[in-house]
C-alpha atoms as a PDB file:
ATOM      1  CA  MET A   1      -6.067  21.619 -17.047  1.00  0.00           C
ATOM      2  CA  PRO A   2      -4.380  18.346 -18.107  1.00  0.00           C
ATOM      3  CA  ARG A   3      -6.745  15.875 -19.713  1.00  0.00           C
ATOM      4  CA  LEU A   4      -7.622  12.417 -18.467  1.00  0.00           C
ATOM      5  CA  LEU A   5      -6.171   9.408 -20.233  1.00  0.00           C
ATOM      6  CA  LYS A   6      -8.285   7.659 -22.840  1.00  0.00           C
ATOM      7  CA  LYS A   7      -9.266   4.000 -22.409  1.00  0.00           C
ATOM      8  CA  SER A   8      -6.705   2.865 -24.962  1.00  0.00           C
ATOM      9  CA  GLU A   9      -3.984   4.864 -23.207  1.00  0.00           C
ATOM     10  CA  ILE A  10      -4.870   3.388 -19.811  1.00  0.00           C
ATOM     11  CA  THR A  11      -4.631  -0.092 -21.284  1.00  0.00           C
ATOM     12  CA  ALA A  12      -1.269   0.730 -22.856  1.00  0.00           C
ATOM     13  CA  LEU A  13      -0.009   2.166 -19.579  1.00  0.00           C
ATOM     14  CA  PHE A  14      -0.803  -0.939 -17.551  1.00  0.00           C
ATOM     15  CA  GLU A  15       0.454  -3.229 -20.305  1.00  0.00           C
ATOM     16  CA  ARG A  16       3.846  -1.548 -19.924  1.00  0.00           C
ATOM     17  CA  PHE A  17       3.823  -1.851 -16.135  1.00  0.00           C
ATOM     18  CA  CYS A  18       2.894  -5.528 -16.523  1.00  0.00           C
ATOM     19  CA  ALA A  19       5.682  -6.153 -19.024  1.00  0.00           C
ATOM     20  CA  LEU A  20       8.228  -4.684 -16.609  1.00  0.00           C
ATOM     21  CA  GLU A  21       6.914  -6.472 -13.502  1.00  0.00           C
ATOM     22  CA  PRO A  22       4.322  -9.177 -14.263  1.00  0.00           C
ATOM     23  CA  HIS A  23       3.833 -10.257 -10.640  1.00  0.00           C
ATOM     24  CA  PRO A  24       4.536  -7.397  -8.216  1.00  0.00           C
ATOM     25  CA  VAL A  25       4.312  -8.178  -4.505  1.00  0.00           C
ATOM     26  CA  THR A  26       4.284  -6.159  -1.319  1.00  0.00           C
ATOM     27  CA  GLU A  27       7.679  -5.176   0.042  1.00  0.00           C
ATOM     28  CA  LEU A  28       6.516  -5.803   3.611  1.00  0.00           C
ATOM     29  CA  LYS A  29       7.985  -8.974   5.112  1.00  0.00           C
ATOM     30  CA  ALA A  30       5.763 -11.268   7.173  1.00  0.00           C
ATOM     31  CA  PRO A  31       5.798 -14.994   7.998  1.00  0.00           C
ATOM     32  CA  ASN A  32       2.019 -15.425   7.745  1.00  0.00           C
ATOM     33  CA  ASP A  33      -1.230 -13.638   6.930  1.00  0.00           C
ATOM     34  CA  PHE A  34      -1.818 -12.375  10.474  1.00  0.00           C
ATOM     35  CA  CYS A  35       1.662 -10.899  10.639  1.00  0.00           C
ATOM     36  CA  LEU A  36       1.103  -9.308   7.234  1.00  0.00           C
ATOM     37  CA  LEU A  37      -1.966  -7.531   8.609  1.00  0.00           C
ATOM     38  CA  VAL A  38       0.091  -6.283  11.556  1.00  0.00           C
ATOM     39  CA  ALA A  39       2.850  -5.092   9.222  1.00  0.00           C
ATOM     40  CA  ILE A  40       0.349  -3.190   7.071  1.00  0.00           C
ATOM     41  CA  VAL A  41      -1.118  -1.520  10.177  1.00  0.00           C
ATOM     42  CA  LEU A  42       2.395  -0.529  11.296  1.00  0.00           C
ATOM     43  CA  SER A  43       3.253   0.831   7.847  1.00  0.00           C
ATOM     44  CA  ALA A  44       0.758   3.704   8.088  1.00  0.00           C
ATOM     45  CA  GLN A  45       2.778   6.948   7.951  1.00  0.00           C
ATOM     46  CA  ALA A  46       5.956   4.855   7.947  1.00  0.00           C
ATOM     47  CA  THR A  47       8.145   3.233   5.312  1.00  0.00           C
ATOM     48  CA  ASP A  48       8.124  -0.469   4.473  1.00  0.00           C
ATOM     49  CA  VAL A  49      11.885  -0.470   5.045  1.00  0.00           C
ATOM     50  CA  GLY A  50      11.414   0.868   8.564  1.00  0.00           C
ATOM     51  CA  VAL A  51       8.683  -1.643   9.353  1.00  0.00           C
ATOM     52  CA  ASN A  52      10.769  -4.531   8.021  1.00  0.00           C
ATOM     53  CA  LYS A  53      13.623  -3.570  10.343  1.00  0.00           C
ATOM     54  CA  ALA A  54      11.398  -3.614  13.415  1.00  0.00           C
ATOM     55  CA  THR A  55       9.072  -6.566  12.884  1.00  0.00           C
ATOM     56  CA  PRO A  56      11.346  -9.648  12.681  1.00  0.00           C
ATOM     57  CA  ALA A  57      12.015  -9.580  16.437  1.00  0.00           C
ATOM     58  CA  LEU A  58       8.338  -8.961  17.176  1.00  0.00           C
ATOM     59  CA  PHE A  59       7.131 -11.754  14.913  1.00  0.00           C
ATOM     60  CA  ALA A  60       9.713 -14.126  16.378  1.00  0.00           C
ATOM     61  CA  VAL A  61       7.875 -13.988  19.723  1.00  0.00           C
ATOM     62  CA  ALA A  62       4.334 -13.245  18.543  1.00  0.00           C
ATOM     63  CA  ASP A  63       3.255 -14.595  15.169  1.00  0.00           C
ATOM     64  CA  THR A  64      -0.330 -15.452  16.160  1.00  0.00           C
ATOM     65  CA  PRO A  65      -3.180 -13.313  17.483  1.00  0.00           C
ATOM     66  CA  ALA A  66      -3.074 -15.134  20.835  1.00  0.00           C
ATOM     67  CA  ASN A  67       0.650 -14.532  21.329  1.00  0.00           C
ATOM     68  CA  MET A  68       0.348 -10.916  20.171  1.00  0.00           C
ATOM     69  CA  ALA A  69      -2.539 -10.290  22.564  1.00  0.00           C
ATOM     70  CA  ALA A  70      -0.525 -11.849  25.375  1.00  0.00           C
ATOM     71  CA  LEU A  71       2.290  -9.343  24.777  1.00  0.00           C
ATOM     72  CA  GLY A  72      -0.093  -6.451  25.293  1.00  0.00           C
ATOM     73  CA  ALA A  73       0.374  -2.900  24.083  1.00  0.00           C
ATOM     74  CA  GLU A  74       3.422  -2.220  26.278  1.00  0.00           C
ATOM     75  CA  GLY A  75       5.122  -5.422  25.200  1.00  0.00           C
ATOM     76  CA  ILE A  76       4.480  -4.724  21.527  1.00  0.00           C
ATOM     77  CA  ALA A  77       5.675  -1.127  21.856  1.00  0.00           C
ATOM     78  CA  ARG A  78       9.115  -2.293  23.008  1.00  0.00           C
ATOM     79  CA  TYR A  79       9.655  -3.973  19.634  1.00  0.00           C
ATOM     80  CA  ILE A  80       8.418  -1.165  17.406  1.00  0.00           C
ATOM     81  CA  LYS A  81       9.907   1.977  18.968  1.00  0.00           C
ATOM     82  CA  THR A  82      11.695   2.835  15.727  1.00  0.00           C
ATOM     83  CA  ILE A  83       8.355   3.158  13.901  1.00  0.00           C
ATOM     84  CA  GLY A  84       6.455   6.441  13.942  1.00  0.00           C
ATOM     85  CA  LEU A  85       3.431   6.661  16.288  1.00  0.00           C
ATOM     86  CA  TYR A  86       4.536   3.396  17.868  1.00  0.00           C
ATOM     87  CA  ASN A  87       2.536   3.769  21.081  1.00  0.00           C
ATOM     88  CA  ALA A  88      -0.780   4.253  19.278  1.00  0.00           C
ATOM     89  CA  LYS A  89       0.046   1.482  16.814  1.00  0.00           C
ATOM     90  CA  ALA A  90       0.981  -0.906  19.632  1.00  0.00           C
ATOM     91  CA  LYS A  91      -2.399  -0.299  21.270  1.00  0.00           C
ATOM     92  CA  ASN A  92      -4.190  -0.958  17.983  1.00  0.00           C
ATOM     93  CA  VAL A  93      -2.249  -4.145  17.273  1.00  0.00           C
ATOM     94  CA  ALA A  94      -2.895  -5.474  20.792  1.00  0.00           C
ATOM     95  CA  ALA A  95      -6.589  -4.644  20.527  1.00  0.00           C
ATOM     96  CA  LEU A  96      -7.046  -6.158  17.067  1.00  0.00           C
ATOM     97  CA  ALA A  97      -5.249  -9.327  18.193  1.00  0.00           C
ATOM     98  CA  GLU A  98      -7.616  -9.630  21.171  1.00  0.00           C
ATOM     99  CA  ILE A  99     -10.653  -9.195  18.883  1.00  0.00           C
ATOM    100  CA  LEU A 100      -9.353 -11.809  16.454  1.00  0.00           C
ATOM    101  CA  VAL A 101      -9.003 -14.294  19.321  1.00  0.00           C
ATOM    102  CA  ARG A 102     -12.320 -13.414  20.955  1.00  0.00           C
ATOM    103  CA  GLU A 103     -14.556 -12.938  17.909  1.00  0.00           C
ATOM    104  CA  HIS A 104     -12.903 -14.658  14.947  1.00  0.00           C
ATOM    105  CA  GLY A 105     -11.361 -17.827  16.326  1.00  0.00           C
ATOM    106  CA  GLY A 106      -7.853 -16.450  15.934  1.00  0.00           C
ATOM    107  CA  GLN A 107      -8.290 -15.960  12.176  1.00  0.00           C
ATOM    108  CA  VAL A 108      -8.185 -12.782  10.111  1.00  0.00           C
ATOM    109  CA  PRO A 109     -11.674 -12.316   8.600  1.00  0.00           C
ATOM    110  CA  GLU A 110     -11.952 -12.328   4.805  1.00  0.00           C
ATOM    111  CA  ASP A 111     -14.468  -9.509   4.727  1.00  0.00           C
ATOM    112  CA  LEU A 112     -13.982  -5.793   4.140  1.00  0.00           C
ATOM    113  CA  ASP A 113     -16.439  -4.651   6.802  1.00  0.00           C
ATOM    114  CA  ALA A 114     -15.126  -7.063   9.439  1.00  0.00           C
ATOM    115  CA  LEU A 115     -11.546  -6.039   8.697  1.00  0.00           C
ATOM    116  CA  GLN A 116     -12.347  -2.338   8.897  1.00  0.00           C
ATOM    117  CA  ALA A 117     -14.011  -2.923  12.289  1.00  0.00           C
ATOM    118  CA  LEU A 118     -10.593  -3.893  13.689  1.00  0.00           C
ATOM    119  CA  PRO A 119      -8.590  -1.182  15.509  1.00  0.00           C
ATOM    120  CA  GLY A 120      -6.084   0.513  13.202  1.00  0.00           C
ATOM    121  CA  VAL A 121      -7.532  -1.069  10.050  1.00  0.00           C
ATOM    122  CA  GLY A 122      -9.025   1.389   7.566  1.00  0.00           C
ATOM    123  CA  SER A 123     -10.106   0.957   3.976  1.00  0.00           C
ATOM    124  CA  LYS A 124      -6.567   1.042   2.594  1.00  0.00           C
ATOM    125  CA  THR A 125      -5.207  -1.507   5.088  1.00  0.00           C
ATOM    126  CA  ALA A 126      -8.147  -3.875   4.575  1.00  0.00           C
ATOM    127  CA  ARG A 127      -7.871  -3.677   0.800  1.00  0.00           C
ATOM    128  CA  VAL A 128      -4.101  -4.186   0.800  1.00  0.00           C
ATOM    129  CA  TRP A 129      -4.438  -7.260   3.012  1.00  0.00           C
ATOM    130  CA  LEU A 130      -7.232  -8.812   0.932  1.00  0.00           C
ATOM    131  CA  ASN A 131      -5.251  -8.147  -2.238  1.00  0.00           C
ATOM    132  CA  CYS A 132      -1.936  -9.502  -0.944  1.00  0.00           C
ATOM    133  CA  ALA A 133      -3.157 -12.336   1.263  1.00  0.00           C
ATOM    134  CA  ARG A 134      -6.254 -13.466  -0.620  1.00  0.00           C
ATOM    135  CA  GLY A 135      -5.747 -12.273  -4.183  1.00  0.00           C
ATOM    136  CA  TRP A 136      -8.773 -10.006  -4.288  1.00  0.00           C
ATOM    137  CA  PRO A 137      -8.561  -7.564  -7.239  1.00  0.00           C
ATOM    138  CA  LEU A 138      -8.971  -4.443  -5.114  1.00  0.00           C
ATOM    139  CA  ILE A 139      -7.518  -0.965  -5.466  1.00  0.00           C
ATOM    140  CA  ALA A 140      -5.877   0.437  -2.341  1.00  0.00           C
ATOM    141  CA  VAL A 141      -4.915   4.105  -2.294  1.00  0.00           C
ATOM    142  CA  ASP A 142      -1.943   5.405  -0.321  1.00  0.00           C
ATOM    143  CA  THR A 143      -0.045   8.665  -0.848  1.00  0.00           C
ATOM    144  CA  HIS A 144       1.921   7.166  -3.755  1.00  0.00           C
ATOM    145  CA  VAL A 145      -1.171   5.907  -5.580  1.00  0.00           C
ATOM    146  CA  PHE A 146      -3.007   9.191  -4.976  1.00  0.00           C
ATOM    147  CA  ARG A 147      -0.114  11.226  -6.388  1.00  0.00           C
ATOM    148  CA  VAL A 148       0.732   8.966  -9.332  1.00  0.00           C
ATOM    149  CA  ALA A 149      -2.868   8.407 -10.442  1.00  0.00           C
ATOM    150  CA  ASN A 150      -3.489  12.148 -10.598  1.00  0.00           C
ATOM    151  CA  ARG A 151      -0.182  12.925 -12.298  1.00  0.00           C
ATOM    152  CA  LEU A 152      -0.631  10.282 -14.955  1.00  0.00           C
ATOM    153  CA  GLY A 153      -4.175  11.338 -15.756  1.00  0.00           C
ATOM    154  CA  LEU A 154      -5.971   8.244 -14.487  1.00  0.00           C
ATOM    155  CA  CYS A 155      -8.204  10.516 -12.419  1.00  0.00           C
ATOM    156  CA  ARG A 156      -8.626  14.057 -11.119  1.00  0.00           C
ATOM    157  CA  THR A 157      -9.389  13.694  -7.429  1.00  0.00           C
ATOM    158  CA  LYS A 158      -8.780  15.517  -4.178  1.00  0.00           C
ATOM    159  CA  THR A 159      -8.997  12.702  -1.626  1.00  0.00           C
ATOM    160  CA  PRO A 160      -7.834   9.068  -1.390  1.00  0.00           C
ATOM    161  CA  GLY A 161     -11.460   7.948  -1.080  1.00  0.00           C
ATOM    162  CA  HIS A 162     -12.454   9.624  -4.315  1.00  0.00           C
ATOM    163  CA  THR A 163      -9.319   8.237  -5.950  1.00  0.00           C
ATOM    164  CA  GLU A 164     -10.250   4.709  -4.902  1.00  0.00           C
ATOM    165  CA  THR A 165     -13.714   5.074  -6.421  1.00  0.00           C
ATOM    166  CA  ALA A 166     -12.353   6.611  -9.624  1.00  0.00           C
ATOM    167  CA  LEU A 167      -9.686   3.947 -10.128  1.00  0.00           C
ATOM    168  CA  GLU A 168     -12.152   1.125  -9.508  1.00  0.00           C
ATOM    169  CA  LYS A 169     -14.120   2.470 -12.485  1.00  0.00           C
ATOM    170  CA  THR A 170     -11.157   3.413 -14.663  1.00  0.00           C
ATOM    171  CA  ILE A 171      -8.701   0.519 -14.421  1.00  0.00           C
ATOM    172  CA  PRO A 172      -9.531  -2.422 -16.723  1.00  0.00           C
ATOM    173  CA  ALA A 173     -10.469  -5.643 -14.925  1.00  0.00           C
ATOM    174  CA  ASP A 174      -7.475  -7.499 -16.375  1.00  0.00           C
ATOM    175  CA  PHE A 175      -5.097  -5.217 -14.469  1.00  0.00           C
ATOM    176  CA  LYS A 176      -6.897  -4.707 -11.156  1.00  0.00           C
ATOM    177  CA  MET A 177      -5.139  -7.523  -9.341  1.00  0.00           C
ATOM    178  CA  HIS A 178      -1.753  -5.799  -9.513  1.00  0.00           C
ATOM    179  CA  ALA A 179      -2.689  -2.190 -10.305  1.00  0.00           C
ATOM    180  CA  HIS A 180      -2.127  -0.679  -6.885  1.00  0.00           C
ATOM    181  CA  HIS A 181       1.248  -2.399  -6.551  1.00  0.00           C
ATOM    182  CA  TRP A 182       2.382  -1.075  -9.918  1.00  0.00           C
ATOM    183  CA  LEU A 183       1.302   2.439  -8.973  1.00  0.00           C
ATOM    184  CA  ILE A 184       2.916   2.227  -5.517  1.00  0.00           C
ATOM    185  CA  LEU A 185       6.227   0.987  -6.897  1.00  0.00           C
ATOM    186  CA  HIS A 186       6.150   3.582  -9.661  1.00  0.00           C
ATOM    187  CA  GLY A 187       5.587   6.324  -7.100  1.00  0.00           C
ATOM    188  CA  ARG A 188       8.200   4.980  -4.733  1.00  0.00           C
ATOM    189  CA  TYR A 189      11.034   4.591  -7.224  1.00  0.00           C
ATOM    190  CA  VAL A 190      10.285   6.725 -10.319  1.00  0.00           C
ATOM    191  CA  CYS A 191       7.421   9.199  -9.907  1.00  0.00           C
ATOM    192  CA  LYS A 192       8.732  10.536  -6.608  1.00  0.00           C
ATOM    193  CA  ALA A 193       6.911  13.303  -4.770  1.00  0.00           C
ATOM    194  CA  ARG A 194       9.515  16.053  -4.999  1.00  0.00           C
ATOM    195  CA  THR A 195      11.709  14.982  -7.875  1.00  0.00           C
ATOM    196  CA  PRO A 196       9.922  12.663 -10.315  1.00  0.00           C
ATOM    197  CA  GLU A 197      12.462  10.971 -12.577  1.00  0.00           C
ATOM    198  CA  CYS A 198      10.454  11.455 -15.767  1.00  0.00           C
ATOM    199  CA  TRP A 199      13.467  10.815 -17.995  1.00  0.00           C
ATOM    200  CA  ARG A 200      13.433   7.127 -17.053  1.00  0.00           C
ATOM    201  CA  CYS A 201       9.668   6.698 -16.783  1.00  0.00           C
ATOM    202  CA  PRO A 202       8.295   3.881 -18.972  1.00  0.00           C
ATOM    203  CA  VAL A 203       5.000   5.739 -19.494  1.00  0.00           C
ATOM    204  CA  ALA A 204       6.284   9.317 -19.854  1.00  0.00           C
ATOM    205  CA  ASP A 205       4.765   9.677 -23.315  1.00  0.00           C
ATOM    206  CA  LEU A 206       1.316   8.831 -21.933  1.00  0.00           C
ATOM    207  CA  CYS A 207       1.604  10.805 -18.689  1.00  0.00           C
ATOM    208  CA  GLN A 208      -0.387  14.045 -18.443  1.00  0.00           C
ATOM    209  CA  PHE A 209       1.707  15.630 -15.665  1.00  0.00           C
ATOM    210  CA  PRO A 210       2.312  19.211 -16.880  1.00  0.00           C
ATOM    211  CA  ALA A 211       5.611  19.559 -15.005  1.00  0.00           C
ATOM    212  CA  LYS A 212       7.346  16.604 -16.668  1.00  0.00           C
ATOM    213  CA  VAL A 213      11.127  16.963 -16.876  1.00  0.00           C
ATOM    214  CA  LEU A 214      12.323  14.611 -19.596  1.00  0.00           C
ATOM    215  CA  GLU A 215      16.006  15.530 -19.402  1.00  0.00           C
ATOM    216  CA  PRO A 216      18.025  14.110 -16.487  1.00  0.00           C
ATOM    217  CA  PRO A 217      19.788  16.689 -14.303  1.00  0.00           C
ATOM    218  CA  ARG A 218      23.310  17.446 -15.418  1.00  0.00           C
ATOM    219  CA  ALA A 219      26.093  16.275 -13.167  1.00  0.00           C
ATOM    220  CA  ARG A 220      27.836  19.090 -11.356  1.00  0.00           C
ATOM    221  CA  THR A 221      31.402  19.712 -12.462  1.00  0.00           C
END
């Protein structure tokens, strides 16, 4: 079984990610913090690119909880039909907007438990929002982070929840603010699920993935 990275190797790994992209940001587009929460909810089992195509028209008419609640689930659904599971997501967004108006004065709460009590907002969504909107140094685990963390040797886990706990302990405090963004971007553009491009990976020498392919595929002639 591949070994876990040593402390010094983990530090070196994140130092390289930081050197390449000192201030990574979410690729979701949103005009304000409420809309960012909506975008993150919509991005579950969908791509950021797909969400960004659908949300500008929605946010143009509903960029506050009150306006979003006024649209209702059916009204929201009309704007997000290109996003997977759009009917269920529209119901969640309408419901969370109503709760924000009714219970939080139209503001998104800055609290993990309160966020996770909102429809459609789980641990990952709450952590991503607090990290992106409020600068909390939290680790959020999606499919990219789960895959990349295990391939690299940051952890050996079988669920996103266990991965979150492991990474919170493993990643040095100096890197926690941007760690999940670095891992997401690495998984999205380099350490891809089916065909990881190890030959252009900046941390290939540290990575413990046993199926590394360090030679690029030859062009067909």
